[in-house]
């Protein structure tokens, strides 16, 4: 009882039914679905990270470790470019942290879909680390039809395949630094936002989904100019999401009057 209101538990969150599959089946299915396209896109986008790591004087194992531990292409590029420019470690830490603030709303949106009554804190923290743009976008689209108890193993299987692919591509980029032009590497990195937008388009069902995309694309140049570096993506999400919510409310009210 909270403030006189009873909060009913979510029956779906209590369910431990895996459907007609085992935990291992859901894990392997996640790996299989990631290998059909999403893993390739995110892997290609991180080839340039390996090259930049080598430019900054880091060995191939450090480059691959940055993919596994930082797990965000833009943050990795910031890290290696800052090291190459001899920026202080404190400033590098602050910069990387700010650049990753954009993942906060993604975690808030995805974690409730993954948790069950048996999900421990460590498992949730591990799931948060696995969240990246491609993994989040595909999970939001693929998880709803899956029984709740199967979502977490599916998610970890999906993320694992993406980790494997990006680790390999980072190593390849490190080895091919002399053969890979900077414009081409930058183009590969740009594959991720393109894929992200296309995934959101496929997943959009309600008018508010389309409104959020339209407002996001429209406000992006203005927010990028006005918002501080590192939190511009978060600011854009708040501004565009709020605008979409208000626009949807306005449309609903007009519909009620007609």
Protein backbone atom coordinates (compact mmCIF):
# COMPACT_ATOMS: atom_id res chain seq x y z
CA UNK A 1 0.00 0.00 0.00
CA UNK A 2 1.46 3.36 -1.05
CA UNK A 3 -0.35 6.64 -0.33
CA UNK A 4 -3.59 4.70 -0.04
CA UNK A 5 -3.18 3.03 -3.42
CA UNK A 6 -2.51 -0.68 -3.80
CA UNK A 7 0.16 -1.49 -6.35
CA UNK A 8 -0.65 -4.76 -8.04
CA UNK A 9 2.34 -6.86 -9.09
CA UNK A 10 2.92 -7.38 -12.77
CA UNK A 11 1.86 -11.01 -13.37
CA UNK A 12 4.12 -11.23 -16.40
CA UNK A 13 7.14 -10.25 -14.30
CA UNK A 14 6.43 -13.18 -11.95
CA UNK A 15 6.22 -15.74 -14.74
CA UNK A 16 9.11 -18.17 -15.11
CA UNK A 17 7.60 -19.96 -18.10
CA UNK A 18 10.13 -20.46 -20.90
CA UNK A 19 7.53 -21.55 -23.41
CA UNK A 20 8.52 -24.61 -25.42
CA UNK A 21 12.29 -23.93 -25.12
CA UNK A 22 15.08 -24.12 -22.58
CA UNK A 23 17.37 -21.29 -21.42
CA UNK A 24 20.08 -22.61 -23.76
CA UNK A 25 17.62 -22.63 -26.69
CA UNK A 26 16.76 -18.98 -26.11
CA UNK A 27 20.46 -18.06 -25.78
CA UNK A 28 21.38 -19.75 -29.06
CA UNK A 29 18.35 -18.23 -30.77
CA UNK A 30 19.58 -14.80 -29.71
CA UNK A 31 23.00 -15.56 -31.19
CA UNK A 32 21.41 -16.84 -34.38
CA UNK A 33 19.21 -13.78 -34.86
CA UNK A 34 22.12 -11.43 -34.19
CA UNK A 35 24.19 -13.20 -36.86
CA UNK A 36 21.54 -12.56 -39.55
CA UNK A 37 22.49 -8.89 -39.89
CA UNK A 38 22.71 -6.79 -36.72
CA UNK A 39 26.07 -8.23 -35.69
CA UNK A 40 27.54 -7.51 -39.12
CA UNK A 41 26.42 -3.87 -39.03
CA UNK A 42 27.82 -3.13 -35.58
CA UNK A 43 31.01 -5.06 -36.41
CA UNK A 44 31.66 -3.05 -39.56
CA UNK A 45 31.10 0.18 -37.65
CA UNK A 46 33.93 -0.62 -35.23
CA UNK A 47 36.63 -1.38 -37.79
CA UNK A 48 37.74 2.25 -37.57
CA UNK A 49 38.18 1.94 -33.80
CA UNK A 50 40.93 -0.62 -34.25
CA UNK A 51 42.73 1.65 -36.67
CA UNK A 52 42.52 4.64 -34.35
CA UNK A 53 43.81 2.53 -31.45
CA UNK A 54 46.88 1.63 -33.49
CA UNK A 55 47.33 5.29 -34.47
CA UNK A 56 47.35 6.17 -30.76
CA UNK A 57 50.08 3.60 -30.12
CA UNK A 58 47.98 0.86 -28.51
CA UNK A 59 48.44 -2.86 -29.18
CA UNK A 60 45.76 -5.05 -30.71
CA UNK A 61 44.81 -6.59 -27.36
CA UNK A 62 44.13 -3.16 -25.85
CA UNK A 63 42.03 -2.25 -28.89
CA UNK A 64 39.91 -5.39 -28.51
CA UNK A 65 39.67 -4.86 -24.73
CA UNK A 66 38.30 -1.36 -25.34
CA UNK A 67 35.49 -2.89 -27.38
CA UNK A 68 34.65 -5.40 -24.67
CA UNK A 69 34.90 -2.94 -21.77
CA UNK A 70 33.76 0.41 -23.21
CA UNK A 71 31.34 -1.11 -25.76
CA UNK A 72 30.48 2.15 -27.50
CA UNK A 73 32.11 3.17 -30.77
CA UNK A 74 31.94 6.96 -30.26
CA UNK A 75 33.29 6.66 -26.71
CA UNK A 76 36.16 4.46 -27.94
CA UNK A 77 37.04 6.99 -30.62
CA UNK A 78 36.98 9.76 -28.02
CA UNK A 79 39.23 7.71 -25.77
CA UNK A 80 41.91 6.95 -28.35
CA UNK A 81 41.86 10.42 -29.91
CA UNK A 82 42.16 12.01 -26.45
CA UNK A 83 45.09 9.74 -25.55
CA UNK A 84 46.80 10.59 -28.84
CA UNK A 85 46.34 14.30 -28.02
CA UNK A 86 47.92 13.71 -24.56
CA UNK A 87 44.76 14.78 -22.71
CA UNK A 88 44.78 14.24 -18.95
CA UNK A 89 43.27 10.98 -17.72
CA UNK A 90 40.77 12.85 -15.54
CA UNK A 91 39.47 14.79 -18.54
CA UNK A 92 39.30 11.58 -20.59
CA UNK A 93 37.24 9.90 -17.88
CA UNK A 94 34.78 12.77 -17.69
CA UNK A 95 34.45 12.93 -21.48
CA UNK A 96 33.81 9.20 -21.85
CA UNK A 97 31.27 9.27 -19.02
CA UNK A 98 29.35 12.17 -20.54
CA UNK A 99 29.35 10.55 -23.97
CA UNK A 100 27.68 7.48 -22.46
CA UNK A 101 24.87 9.36 -20.70
CA UNK A 102 22.76 8.67 -23.77
CA UNK A 103 22.47 5.04 -22.66
CA UNK A 104 20.56 5.94 -19.48
CA UNK A 105 17.09 6.16 -21.11
CA UNK A 106 17.86 3.00 -23.09
CA UNK A 107 18.58 1.12 -19.86
CA UNK A 108 15.45 2.51 -18.22
CA UNK A 109 13.35 1.37 -21.16
CA UNK A 110 14.87 -2.09 -21.60
CA UNK A 111 15.59 -3.42 -18.09
CA UNK A 112 11.92 -3.75 -17.06
CA UNK A 113 11.43 -6.00 -20.10
CA UNK A 114 14.29 -8.28 -19.02
CA UNK A 115 13.78 -8.63 -15.27
CA UNK A 116 12.03 -11.49 -13.53
CA UNK A 117 11.56 -12.01 -9.79
CA UNK A 118 14.78 -14.08 -9.77
CA UNK A 119 16.99 -11.60 -11.63
CA UNK A 120 19.83 -10.56 -9.32
CA UNK A 121 21.67 -7.24 -9.19
CA UNK A 122 24.83 -8.60 -10.82
CA UNK A 123 22.83 -10.00 -13.73
CA UNK A 124 21.11 -6.65 -14.21
CA UNK A 125 24.45 -4.80 -14.14
CA UNK A 126 25.83 -7.22 -16.73
CA UNK A 127 22.77 -6.63 -18.91
CA UNK A 128 23.25 -2.85 -18.60
CA UNK A 129 26.85 -3.20 -19.80
CA UNK A 130 25.66 -5.15 -22.85
CA UNK A 131 23.27 -2.39 -23.94
CA UNK A 132 24.46 -0.52 -27.00
CA UNK A 133 22.53 1.26 -29.73
CA UNK A 134 22.09 -1.75 -32.03
CA UNK A 135 21.51 -4.24 -29.21
CA UNK A 136 18.94 -1.93 -27.59
CA UNK A 137 17.04 -1.17 -30.81
CA UNK A 138 16.83 -4.81 -31.84
CA UNK A 139 15.92 -5.95 -28.33
CA UNK A 140 13.03 -3.49 -28.11
CA UNK A 141 11.73 -4.94 -31.37
CA UNK A 142 12.41 -8.65 -30.81
CA UNK A 143 11.79 -9.18 -27.07
CA UNK A 144 8.03 -8.48 -26.63
CA UNK A 145 6.80 -11.74 -28.25
CA UNK A 146 9.30 -13.82 -26.20
CA UNK A 147 8.16 -15.25 -22.83
CA UNK A 148 9.60 -13.10 -20.04
CA UNK A 149 11.76 -15.91 -18.66
CA UNK A 150 13.34 -16.38 -22.09
CA UNK A 151 14.10 -12.71 -22.73
CA UNK A 152 17.25 -12.46 -20.64
CA UNK A 153 18.99 -15.52 -22.15
CA UNK A 154 17.93 -14.35 -25.62
CA UNK A 155 19.31 -10.89 -24.89
CA UNK A 156 22.63 -12.25 -23.63
CA UNK A 157 22.92 -14.52 -26.67
CA UNK A 158 22.23 -11.60 -28.98
CA UNK A 159 24.75 -9.36 -27.19
CA UNK A 160 27.37 -12.13 -27.07
CA UNK A 161 27.30 -12.55 -30.83
CA UNK A 162 27.67 -8.78 -31.24
CA UNK A 163 30.64 -8.80 -28.84
CA UNK A 164 32.30 -11.59 -30.81
CA UNK A 165 31.78 -9.86 -34.15
CA UNK A 166 32.97 -6.45 -32.96
CA UNK A 167 36.04 -7.92 -31.26
CA UNK A 168 37.05 -9.53 -34.54
CA UNK A 169 36.36 -6.38 -36.56
CA UNK A 170 38.32 -4.23 -34.08
CA UNK A 171 41.30 -6.57 -34.49
CA UNK A 172 40.91 -6.46 -38.28
CA UNK A 173 40.81 -2.67 -38.25
CA UNK A 174 43.97 -2.59 -36.11
CA UNK A 175 45.75 -4.84 -38.61
CA UNK A 176 44.51 -2.94 -41.69
CA UNK A 177 45.33 0.58 -40.51
CA UNK A 178 47.67 1.13 -43.43
CA UNK A 179 45.10 -0.07 -45.94
CA UNK A 180 42.00 1.68 -44.58
CA UNK A 181 41.43 5.32 -45.47
CA UNK A 182 40.02 7.64 -42.80
CA UNK A 183 36.94 8.63 -44.87
CA UNK A 184 36.11 4.96 -45.38
CA UNK A 185 36.57 4.21 -41.66
CA UNK A 186 34.34 7.18 -40.78
CA UNK A 187 31.73 5.91 -43.23
CA UNK A 188 31.75 2.50 -41.56
CA UNK A 189 31.23 4.12 -38.17
CA UNK A 190 28.22 5.97 -39.59
CA UNK A 191 26.53 2.64 -40.35
CA UNK A 192 25.40 2.34 -36.73
CA UNK A 193 23.19 5.47 -36.59
CA UNK A 194 21.77 4.63 -40.03
CA UNK A 195 20.91 1.13 -38.88
CA UNK A 196 19.53 2.52 -35.61
CA UNK A 197 17.11 4.84 -37.40
CA UNK A 198 16.01 2.13 -39.84
CA UNK A 199 15.35 -0.25 -36.92
CA UNK A 200 13.24 2.37 -35.15
CA UNK A 201 11.28 2.91 -38.36
CA UNK A 202 10.54 -0.80 -38.61
CA UNK A 203 9.50 -0.95 -34.95
CA UNK A 204 7.20 2.12 -35.08
CA UNK A 205 3.55 1.19 -34.73
CA UNK A 206 1.78 4.07 -32.98
CA UNK A 207 1.50 7.70 -34.17
CA UNK A 208 3.58 8.84 -31.20
CA UNK A 209 6.46 6.63 -32.42
CA UNK A 210 6.49 8.40 -35.77
CA UNK A 211 6.10 11.80 -34.14
CA UNK A 212 9.12 11.15 -31.91
CA UNK A 213 11.21 10.20 -34.94
CA UNK A 214 10.12 13.26 -36.91
CA UNK A 215 10.79 15.64 -34.02
CA UNK A 216 14.10 13.94 -33.28
CA UNK A 217 15.34 14.33 -36.84
CA UNK A 218 14.04 17.92 -37.03
CA UNK A 219 15.55 19.08 -33.74
CA UNK A 220 18.86 17.21 -34.07
CA UNK A 221 20.85 20.02 -35.80
CA UNK A 222 19.64 22.66 -33.32
CA UNK A 223 20.31 20.51 -30.24
CA UNK A 224 23.76 19.60 -31.52
CA UNK A 225 24.64 23.29 -31.78
CA UNK A 226 23.19 24.34 -28.42
CA UNK A 227 23.59 21.36 -26.08
CA UNK A 228 26.93 20.57 -24.38
CA UNK A 229 29.01 17.83 -25.98
CA UNK A 230 28.36 14.42 -24.52
CA UNK A 231 24.75 15.01 -23.46
CA UNK A 232 23.33 16.27 -26.75
CA UNK A 233 21.78 12.88 -27.52
CA UNK A 234 20.10 12.77 -24.12
CA UNK A 235 18.81 16.34 -24.50
CA UNK A 236 17.51 15.52 -27.97
CA UNK A 237 15.64 12.49 -26.61
CA UNK A 238 13.99 14.55 -23.88
CA UNK A 239 13.05 17.42 -26.20
CA UNK A 240 11.80 15.28 -29.09
CA UNK A 241 10.03 12.81 -26.80
CA UNK A 242 8.26 15.59 -24.92
CA UNK A 243 7.24 17.27 -28.17
CA UNK A 244 5.88 13.97 -29.50
CA UNK A 245 3.94 13.37 -26.27
CA UNK A 246 2.36 16.85 -26.36
CA UNK A 247 1.55 16.54 -30.06
CA UNK A 248 -0.12 13.17 -29.46
CA UNK A 249 -2.17 14.67 -26.60
CA UNK A 250 -3.24 17.52 -28.87
CA UNK A 251 -4.28 15.10 -31.63
CA UNK A 252 -6.22 12.93 -29.18
CA UNK A 253 -8.12 15.94 -27.78
CA UNK A 254 -9.04 17.17 -31.25
CA UNK A 255 -10.25 13.68 -32.09
CA UNK A 256 -12.47 13.65 -29.02
CA UNK A 257 -14.04 17.00 -30.01
CA UNK A 258 -14.84 15.91 -33.56
